[in-house]
Amino acid sequence: MSNVTNDDKSQETKPWGDASRSLANQIEAGSKECLSCRIVGTGTFAGVGIYALLQARASAPGTPAQKRIIGGLGVAMLVGSVIRWTQ
């Protein structure tokens, strides 16, 4: 027979550790997400925004209308990164 009790089973470590438990607690509590998630999300929005602005510069290929659209998208992404960081 095994000497493992229910208490021992509840303390077994999972390959992902306590991350899933804390994420579930955050979702249930309706709290903000972790700092690393905010950093990655903000960096992604900012990176795409900067890339779009670089593609909208005067020397880049494309029509002026296309450059305006891409420039607007770049500004929108940068604004999105600020909103992402603050919320």
PDB file of N, CA and C in Angstrom:
ATOM      1  N   MET A   1       0.832  -1.185   0.000  1.00  0.00           N
ATOM      2  CA  MET A   1       0.000   0.000   0.000  1.00  0.00           C
ATOM      3  C   MET A   1       0.869   1.238   0.000  1.00  0.00           C
ATOM      4  N   SER A   2       0.279   2.261  -0.417  1.00  0.00           N
ATOM      5  CA  SER A   2       1.002   3.529  -0.500  1.00  0.00           C
ATOM      6  C   SER A   2       0.762   4.346   0.761  1.00  0.00           C
ATOM      7  N   ASN A   3       1.781   5.061   1.198  1.00  0.00           N
ATOM      8  CA  ASN A   3       1.680   5.907   2.381  1.00  0.00           C
ATOM      9  C   ASN A   3       1.368   7.359   2.020  1.00  0.00           C
ATOM     10  N   VAL A   4       0.887   7.605   0.828  1.00  0.00           N
ATOM     11  CA  VAL A   4       0.580   8.964   0.382  1.00  0.00           C
ATOM     12  C   VAL A   4      -0.801   9.348   0.882  1.00  0.00           C
ATOM     13  N   THR A   5      -0.883  10.472   1.549  1.00  0.00           N
ATOM     14  CA  THR A   5      -2.166  10.958   2.049  1.00  0.00           C
ATOM     15  C   THR A   5      -2.717  12.007   1.102  1.00  0.00           C
ATOM     16  N   ASN A   6      -3.930  12.452   1.376  1.00  0.00           N
ATOM     17  CA  ASN A   6      -4.542  13.501   0.564  1.00  0.00           C
ATOM     18  C   ASN A   6      -3.755  14.798   0.641  1.00  0.00           C
ATOM     19  N   ASP A   7      -3.166  15.077   1.811  1.00  0.00           N
ATOM     20  CA  ASP A   7      -2.371  16.296   1.958  1.00  0.00           C
ATOM     21  C   ASP A   7      -1.136  16.259   1.069  1.00  0.00           C
ATOM     22  N   ASP A   8      -0.524  15.080   0.964  1.00  0.00           N
ATOM     23  CA  ASP A   8       0.655  14.943   0.105  1.00  0.00           C
ATOM     24  C   ASP A   8       0.286  15.123  -1.367  1.00  0.00           C
ATOM     25  N   LYS A   9      -0.871  14.619  -1.753  1.00  0.00           N
ATOM     26  CA  LYS A   9      -1.300  14.752  -3.145  1.00  0.00           C
ATOM     27  C   LYS A   9      -1.574  16.214  -3.502  1.00  0.00           C
ATOM     28  N   SER A  10      -2.116  16.972  -2.575  1.00  0.00           N
ATOM     29  CA  SER A  10      -2.431  18.371  -2.869  1.00  0.00           C
ATOM     30  C   SER A  10      -1.178  19.226  -2.954  1.00  0.00           C
ATOM     31  N   GLN A  11      -0.070  18.756  -2.396  1.00  0.00           N
ATOM     32  CA  GLN A  11       1.166  19.525  -2.418  1.00  0.00           C
ATOM     33  C   GLN A  11       2.103  19.088  -3.532  1.00  0.00           C
ATOM     34  N   GLU A  12       1.662  18.146  -4.382  1.00  0.00           N
ATOM     35  CA  GLU A  12       2.495  17.724  -5.498  1.00  0.00           C
ATOM     36  C   GLU A  12       2.727  18.916  -6.421  1.00  0.00           C
ATOM     37  N   THR A  13       3.929  19.003  -6.938  1.00  0.00           N
ATOM     38  CA  THR A  13       4.232  20.118  -7.834  1.00  0.00           C
ATOM     39  C   THR A  13       3.853  19.751  -9.254  1.00  0.00           C
ATOM     40  N   LYS A  14       3.317  20.712  -9.947  1.00  0.00           N
ATOM     41  CA  LYS A  14       2.962  20.536 -11.344  1.00  0.00           C
ATOM     42  C   LYS A  14       4.093  21.117 -12.177  1.00  0.00           C
ATOM     43  N   PRO A  15       4.213  20.695 -13.419  1.00  0.00           N
ATOM     44  CA  PRO A  15       5.309  21.201 -14.250  1.00  0.00           C
ATOM     45  C   PRO A  15       5.290  22.718 -14.403  1.00  0.00           C
ATOM     46  N   TRP A  16       4.127  23.326 -14.316  1.00  0.00           N
ATOM     47  CA  TRP A  16       4.033  24.767 -14.485  1.00  0.00           C
ATOM     48  C   TRP A  16       4.019  25.505 -13.151  1.00  0.00           C
ATOM     49  N   GLY A  17       4.155  24.804 -12.061  1.00  0.00           N
ATOM     50  CA  GLY A  17       4.250  25.428 -10.744  1.00  0.00           C
ATOM     51  C   GLY A  17       2.949  26.090 -10.315  1.00  0.00           C
ATOM     52  N   ASP A  18       3.067  27.206  -9.619  1.00  0.00           N
ATOM     53  CA  ASP A  18       1.913  27.920  -9.101  1.00  0.00           C
ATOM     54  C   ASP A  18       1.382  28.970 -10.066  1.00  0.00           C
ATOM     55  N   ALA A  19       1.946  29.065 -11.251  1.00  0.00           N
ATOM     56  CA  ALA A  19       1.543  30.115 -12.192  1.00  0.00           C
ATOM     57  C   ALA A  19       0.071  30.000 -12.560  1.00  0.00           C
ATOM     58  N   SER A  20      -0.404  28.780 -12.796  1.00  0.00           N
ATOM     59  CA  SER A  20      -1.803  28.627 -13.197  1.00  0.00           C
ATOM     60  C   SER A  20      -2.733  28.980 -12.050  1.00  0.00           C
ATOM     61  N   ARG A  21      -2.333  28.667 -10.831  1.00  0.00           N
ATOM     62  CA  ARG A  21      -3.175  28.983  -9.683  1.00  0.00           C
ATOM     63  C   ARG A  21      -3.257  30.494  -9.494  1.00  0.00           C
ATOM     64  N   SER A  22      -2.149  31.184  -9.608  1.00  0.00           N
ATOM     65  CA  SER A  22      -2.187  32.627  -9.409  1.00  0.00           C
ATOM     66  C   SER A  22      -2.940  33.307 -10.553  1.00  0.00           C
ATOM     67  N   LEU A  23      -2.821  32.781 -11.783  1.00  0.00           N
ATOM     68  CA  LEU A  23      -3.558  33.339 -12.903  1.00  0.00           C
ATOM     69  C   LEU A  23      -5.049  33.151 -12.692  1.00  0.00           C
ATOM     70  N   ALA A  24      -5.442  31.965 -12.218  1.00  0.00           N
ATOM     71  CA  ALA A  24      -6.855  31.714 -11.950  1.00  0.00           C
ATOM     72  C   ALA A  24      -7.365  32.645 -10.860  1.00  0.00           C
ATOM     73  N   ASN A  25      -6.555  32.889  -9.841  1.00  0.00           N
ATOM     74  CA  ASN A  25      -6.957  33.810  -8.779  1.00  0.00           C
ATOM     75  C   ASN A  25      -7.100  35.225  -9.314  1.00  0.00           C
ATOM     76  N   GLN A  26      -6.201  35.641 -10.213  1.00  0.00           N
ATOM     77  CA  GLN A  26      -6.291  36.975 -10.788  1.00  0.00           C
ATOM     78  C   GLN A  26      -7.542  37.118 -11.640  1.00  0.00           C
ATOM     79  N   ILE A  27      -7.869  36.079 -12.407  1.00  0.00           N
ATOM     80  CA  ILE A  27      -9.055  36.143 -13.258  1.00  0.00           C
ATOM     81  C   ILE A  27     -10.317  36.208 -12.402  1.00  0.00           C
ATOM     82  N   GLU A  28     -10.371  35.385 -11.348  1.00  0.00           N
ATOM     83  CA  GLU A  28     -11.537  35.384 -10.473  1.00  0.00           C
ATOM     84  C   GLU A  28     -11.684  36.714  -9.754  1.00  0.00           C
ATOM     85  N   ALA A  29     -10.568  37.297  -9.332  1.00  0.00           N
ATOM     86  CA  ALA A  29     -10.621  38.543  -8.578  1.00  0.00           C
ATOM     87  C   ALA A  29     -10.819  39.746  -9.486  1.00  0.00           C
ATOM     88  N   GLY A  30     -10.632  39.576 -10.799  1.00  0.00           N
ATOM     89  CA  GLY A  30     -10.785  40.690 -11.721  1.00  0.00           C
ATOM     90  C   GLY A  30      -9.655  41.696 -11.598  1.00  0.00           C
ATOM     91  N   SER A  31      -8.497  41.252 -11.130  1.00  0.00           N
ATOM     92  CA  SER A  31      -7.383  42.168 -10.929  1.00  0.00           C
ATOM     93  C   SER A  31      -6.621  42.379 -12.222  1.00  0.00           C
ATOM     94  N   LYS A  32      -5.671  43.298 -12.161  1.00  0.00           N
ATOM     95  CA  LYS A  32      -4.827  43.557 -13.315  1.00  0.00           C
ATOM     96  C   LYS A  32      -3.910  42.374 -13.550  1.00  0.00           C
ATOM     97  N   GLU A  33      -3.381  42.295 -14.764  1.00  0.00           N
ATOM     98  CA  GLU A  33      -2.503  41.177 -15.057  1.00  0.00           C
ATOM     99  C   GLU A  33      -1.084  41.439 -14.571  1.00  0.00           C
ATOM    100  N   CYS A  34      -0.248  40.458 -14.688  1.00  0.00           N
ATOM    101  CA  CYS A  34       1.104  40.539 -14.143  1.00  0.00           C
ATOM    102  C   CYS A  34       1.948  41.572 -14.903  1.00  0.00           C
ATOM    103  N   LEU A  35       3.016  41.987 -14.267  1.00  0.00           N
ATOM    104  CA  LEU A  35       3.885  43.012 -14.838  1.00  0.00           C
ATOM    105  C   LEU A  35       4.529  42.545 -16.135  1.00  0.00           C
ATOM    106  N   SER A  36       4.958  41.301 -16.188  1.00  0.00           N
ATOM    107  CA  SER A  36       5.608  40.821 -17.414  1.00  0.00           C
ATOM    108  C   SER A  36       4.636  40.811 -18.594  1.00  0.00           C
ATOM    109  N   CYS A  37       3.369  40.525 -18.350  1.00  0.00           N
ATOM    110  CA  CYS A  37       2.366  40.567 -19.421  1.00  0.00           C
ATOM    111  C   CYS A  37       2.181  41.990 -19.925  1.00  0.00           C
ATOM    112  N   ARG A  38       2.161  42.934 -19.012  1.00  0.00           N
ATOM    113  CA  ARG A  38       2.023  44.341 -19.412  1.00  0.00           C
ATOM    114  C   ARG A  38       3.232  44.816 -20.199  1.00  0.00           C
ATOM    115  N   ILE A  39       4.425  44.385 -19.794  1.00  0.00           N
ATOM    116  CA  ILE A  39       5.640  44.797 -20.489  1.00  0.00           C
ATOM    117  C   ILE A  39       5.658  44.226 -21.907  1.00  0.00           C
ATOM    118  N   VAL A  40       5.337  42.954 -22.041  1.00  0.00           N
ATOM    119  CA  VAL A  40       5.347  42.322 -23.360  1.00  0.00           C
ATOM    120  C   VAL A  40       4.284  42.944 -24.269  1.00  0.00           C
ATOM    121  N   GLY A  41       3.091  43.152 -23.755  1.00  0.00           N
ATOM    122  CA  GLY A  41       2.019  43.753 -24.554  1.00  0.00           C
ATOM    123  C   GLY A  41       2.345  45.171 -24.981  1.00  0.00           C
ATOM    124  N   THR A  42       2.860  45.957 -24.051  1.00  0.00           N
ATOM    125  CA  THR A  42       3.228  47.332 -24.366  1.00  0.00           C
ATOM    126  C   THR A  42       4.358  47.373 -25.376  1.00  0.00           C
ATOM    127  N   GLY A  43       5.356  46.528 -25.182  1.00  0.00           N
ATOM    128  CA  GLY A  43       6.485  46.485 -26.123  1.00  0.00           C
ATOM    129  C   GLY A  43       6.063  46.061 -27.513  1.00  0.00           C
ATOM    130  N   THR A  44       5.126  45.131 -27.598  1.00  0.00           N
ATOM    131  CA  THR A  44       4.638  44.679 -28.900  1.00  0.00           C
ATOM    132  C   THR A  44       3.911  45.799 -29.622  1.00  0.00           C
ATOM    133  N   PHE A  45       2.988  46.462 -28.934  1.00  0.00           N
ATOM    134  CA  PHE A  45       2.278  47.581 -29.544  1.00  0.00           C
ATOM    135  C   PHE A  45       3.247  48.685 -29.976  1.00  0.00           C
ATOM    136  N   ALA A  46       4.190  49.020 -29.126  1.00  0.00           N
ATOM    137  CA  ALA A  46       5.142  50.085 -29.448  1.00  0.00           C
ATOM    138  C   ALA A  46       6.024  49.679 -30.625  1.00  0.00           C
ATOM    139  N   GLY A  47       6.483  48.436 -30.644  1.00  0.00           N
ATOM    140  CA  GLY A  47       7.326  47.967 -31.740  1.00  0.00           C
ATOM    141  C   GLY A  47       6.611  48.000 -33.078  1.00  0.00           C
ATOM    142  N   VAL A  48       5.361  47.547 -33.109  1.00  0.00           N
ATOM    143  CA  VAL A  48       4.586  47.574 -34.348  1.00  0.00           C
ATOM    144  C   VAL A  48       4.310  49.016 -34.768  1.00  0.00           C
ATOM    145  N   GLY A  49       4.035  49.879 -33.789  1.00  0.00           N
ATOM    146  CA  GLY A  49       3.791  51.288 -34.104  1.00  0.00           C
ATOM    147  C   GLY A  49       5.014  51.968 -34.697  1.00  0.00           C
ATOM    148  N   ILE A  50       6.176  51.720 -34.124  1.00  0.00           N
ATOM    149  CA  ILE A  50       7.411  52.315 -34.645  1.00  0.00           C
ATOM    150  C   ILE A  50       7.714  51.761 -36.033  1.00  0.00           C
ATOM    151  N   TYR A  51       7.518  50.469 -36.214  1.00  0.00           N
ATOM    152  CA  TYR A  51       7.743  49.871 -37.536  1.00  0.00           C
ATOM    153  C   TYR A  51       6.818  50.494 -38.578  1.00  0.00           C
ATOM    154  N   ALA A  52       5.556  50.685 -38.237  1.00  0.00           N
ATOM    155  CA  ALA A  52       4.603  51.283 -39.175  1.00  0.00           C
ATOM    156  C   ALA A  52       5.000  52.723 -39.499  1.00  0.00           C
ATOM    157  N   LEU A  53       5.462  53.467 -38.504  1.00  0.00           N
ATOM    158  CA  LEU A  53       5.893  54.842 -38.780  1.00  0.00           C
ATOM    159  C   LEU A  53       7.127  54.870 -39.677  1.00  0.00           C
ATOM    160  N   LEU A  54       8.019  53.915 -39.515  1.00  0.00           N
ATOM    161  CA  LEU A  54       9.185  53.839 -40.393  1.00  0.00           C
ATOM    162  C   LEU A  54       8.772  53.510 -41.828  1.00  0.00           C
ATOM    163  N   GLN A  55       7.745  52.709 -41.985  1.00  0.00           N
ATOM    164  CA  GLN A  55       7.262  52.376 -43.326  1.00  0.00           C
ATOM    165  C   GLN A  55       6.490  53.521 -43.963  1.00  0.00           C
ATOM    166  N   ALA A  56       6.097  54.510 -43.186  1.00  0.00           N
ATOM    167  CA  ALA A  56       5.338  55.648 -43.701  1.00  0.00           C
ATOM    168  C   ALA A  56       6.234  56.840 -44.032  1.00  0.00           C
ATOM    169  N   ARG A  57       7.544  56.718 -43.865  1.00  0.00           N
ATOM    170  CA  ARG A  57       8.434  57.845 -44.128  1.00  0.00           C
ATOM    171  C   ARG A  57       8.450  58.170 -45.620  1.00  0.00           C
ATOM    172  N   ALA A  58       8.925  59.335 -45.961  1.00  0.00           N
ATOM    173  CA  ALA A  58       8.866  59.832 -47.336  1.00  0.00           C
ATOM    174  C   ALA A  58       9.646  58.958 -48.322  1.00  0.00           C
ATOM    175  N   SER A  59      10.768  58.402 -47.889  1.00  0.00           N
ATOM    176  CA  SER A  59      11.600  57.614 -48.809  1.00  0.00           C
ATOM    177  C   SER A  59      11.134  56.168 -48.967  1.00  0.00           C
ATOM    178  N   ALA A  60      10.144  55.754 -48.235  1.00  0.00           N
ATOM    179  CA  ALA A  60       9.639  54.386 -48.338  1.00  0.00           C
ATOM    180  C   ALA A  60       8.774  54.241 -49.590  1.00  0.00           C
ATOM    181  N   PRO A  61       8.750  53.034 -50.183  1.00  0.00           N
ATOM    182  CA  PRO A  61       7.915  52.851 -51.383  1.00  0.00           C
ATOM    183  C   PRO A  61       6.431  52.891 -51.035  1.00  0.00           C
ATOM    184  N   GLY A  62       5.625  53.325 -51.994  1.00  0.00           N
ATOM    185  CA  GLY A  62       4.184  53.377 -51.814  1.00  0.00           C
ATOM    186  C   GLY A  62       3.631  54.735 -52.173  1.00  0.00           C
ATOM    187  N   THR A  63       2.326  54.778 -52.344  1.00  0.00           N
ATOM    188  CA  THR A  63       1.672  56.040 -52.676  1.00  0.00           C
ATOM    189  C   THR A  63       1.501  56.880 -51.415  1.00  0.00           C
ATOM    190  N   PRO A  64       1.292  58.181 -51.589  1.00  0.00           N
ATOM    191  CA  PRO A  64       1.069  59.028 -50.405  1.00  0.00           C
ATOM    192  C   PRO A  64      -0.142  58.594 -49.570  1.00  0.00           C
ATOM    193  N   ALA A  65      -1.181  58.104 -50.225  1.00  0.00           N
ATOM    194  CA  ALA A  65      -2.366  57.655 -49.481  1.00  0.00           C
ATOM    195  C   ALA A  65      -2.029  56.434 -48.624  1.00  0.00           C
ATOM    196  N   GLN A  66      -1.247  55.517 -49.178  1.00  0.00           N
ATOM    197  CA  GLN A  66      -0.846  54.343 -48.411  1.00  0.00           C
ATOM    198  C   GLN A  66       0.011  54.741 -47.217  1.00  0.00           C
ATOM    199  N   LYS A  67       0.877  55.702 -47.417  1.00  0.00           N
ATOM    200  CA  LYS A  67       1.753  56.161 -46.334  1.00  0.00           C
ATOM    201  C   LYS A  67       0.958  56.826 -45.223  1.00  0.00           C
ATOM    202  N   ARG A  68      -0.096  57.555 -45.586  1.00  0.00           N
ATOM    203  CA  ARG A  68      -0.948  58.183 -44.565  1.00  0.00           C
ATOM    204  C   ARG A  68      -1.676  57.126 -43.743  1.00  0.00           C
ATOM    205  N   ILE A  69      -2.165  56.102 -44.427  1.00  0.00           N
ATOM    206  CA  ILE A  69      -2.871  55.030 -43.719  1.00  0.00           C
ATOM    207  C   ILE A  69      -1.920  54.314 -42.758  1.00  0.00           C
ATOM    208  N   ILE A  70      -0.738  53.971 -43.235  1.00  0.00           N
ATOM    209  CA  ILE A  70       0.236  53.274 -42.395  1.00  0.00           C
ATOM    210  C   ILE A  70       0.712  54.182 -41.258  1.00  0.00           C
ATOM    211  N   GLY A  71       0.884  55.477 -41.538  1.00  0.00           N
ATOM    212  CA  GLY A  71       1.267  56.419 -40.487  1.00  0.00           C
ATOM    213  C   GLY A  71       0.203  56.522 -39.402  1.00  0.00           C
ATOM    214  N   GLY A  72      -1.058  56.560 -39.809  1.00  0.00           N
ATOM    215  CA  GLY A  72      -2.159  56.581 -38.840  1.00  0.00           C
ATOM    216  C   GLY A  72      -2.209  55.312 -38.013  1.00  0.00           C
ATOM    217  N   LEU A  73      -1.958  54.181 -38.674  1.00  0.00           N
ATOM    218  CA  LEU A  73      -1.907  52.914 -37.952  1.00  0.00           C
ATOM    219  C   LEU A  73      -0.766  52.913 -36.935  1.00  0.00           C
ATOM    220  N   GLY A  74       0.385  53.476 -37.323  1.00  0.00           N
ATOM    221  CA  GLY A  74       1.525  53.547 -36.409  1.00  0.00           C
ATOM    222  C   GLY A  74       1.228  54.388 -35.182  1.00  0.00           C
ATOM    223  N   VAL A  75       0.601  55.532 -35.408  1.00  0.00           N
ATOM    224  CA  VAL A  75       0.238  56.399 -34.276  1.00  0.00           C
ATOM    225  C   VAL A  75      -0.785  55.703 -33.384  1.00  0.00           C
ATOM    226  N   ALA A  76      -1.755  55.018 -34.003  1.00  0.00           N
ATOM    227  CA  ALA A  76      -2.769  54.297 -33.222  1.00  0.00           C
ATOM    228  C   ALA A  76      -2.125  53.203 -32.369  1.00  0.00           C
ATOM    229  N   MET A  77      -1.139  52.514 -32.915  1.00  0.00           N
ATOM    230  CA  MET A  77      -0.451  51.471 -32.150  1.00  0.00           C
ATOM    231  C   MET A  77       0.337  52.068 -30.986  1.00  0.00           C
ATOM    232  N   LEU A  78       0.973  53.211 -31.200  1.00  0.00           N
ATOM    233  CA  LEU A  78       1.703  53.843 -30.100  1.00  0.00           C
ATOM    234  C   LEU A  78       0.755  54.318 -29.005  1.00  0.00           C
ATOM    235  N   VAL A  79      -0.389  54.850 -29.405  1.00  0.00           N
ATOM    236  CA  VAL A  79      -1.394  55.242 -28.410  1.00  0.00           C
ATOM    237  C   VAL A  79      -1.897  53.996 -27.678  1.00  0.00           C
ATOM    238  N   GLY A  80      -2.090  52.911 -28.418  1.00  0.00           N
ATOM    239  CA  GLY A  80      -2.508  51.657 -27.802  1.00  0.00           C
ATOM    240  C   GLY A  80      -1.499  51.138 -26.793  1.00  0.00           C
ATOM    241  N   SER A  81      -0.207  51.339 -27.082  1.00  0.00           N
ATOM    242  CA  SER A  81       0.805  50.881 -26.129  1.00  0.00           C
ATOM    243  C   SER A  81       0.749  51.686 -24.833  1.00  0.00           C
ATOM    244  N   VAL A  82       0.470  52.974 -24.928  1.00  0.00           N
ATOM    245  CA  VAL A  82       0.347  53.795 -23.719  1.00  0.00           C
ATOM    246  C   VAL A  82      -0.889  53.364 -22.924  1.00  0.00           C
ATOM    247  N   ILE A  83      -1.990  53.133 -23.619  1.00  0.00           N
ATOM    248  CA  ILE A  83      -3.206  52.694 -22.944  1.00  0.00           C
ATOM    249  C   ILE A  83      -2.987  51.329 -22.304  1.00  0.00           C
ATOM    250  N   ARG A  84      -2.304  50.450 -23.010  1.00  0.00           N
ATOM    251  CA  ARG A  84      -2.020  49.103 -22.483  1.00  0.00           C
ATOM    252  C   ARG A  84      -1.196  49.173 -21.202  1.00  0.00           C
ATOM    253  N   TRP A  85      -0.242  50.072 -21.160  1.00  0.00           N
ATOM    254  CA  TRP A  85       0.626  50.194 -19.981  1.00  0.00           C
ATOM    255  C   TRP A  85      -0.143  50.750 -18.788  1.00  0.00           C
ATOM    256  N   THR A  86      -1.036  51.698 -19.028  1.00  0.00           N
ATOM    257  CA  THR A  86      -1.713  52.365 -17.918  1.00  0.00           C
ATOM    258  C   THR A  86      -2.895  51.581 -17.381  1.00  0.00           C
ATOM    259  N   GLN A  87      -3.421  50.617 -18.110  1.00  0.00           N
ATOM    260  CA  GLN A  87      -4.593  49.879 -17.618  1.00  0.00           C
ATOM    261  C   GLN A  87      -4.237  48.555 -17.076  1.00  0.00           C
TER     262      GLN A  87
END
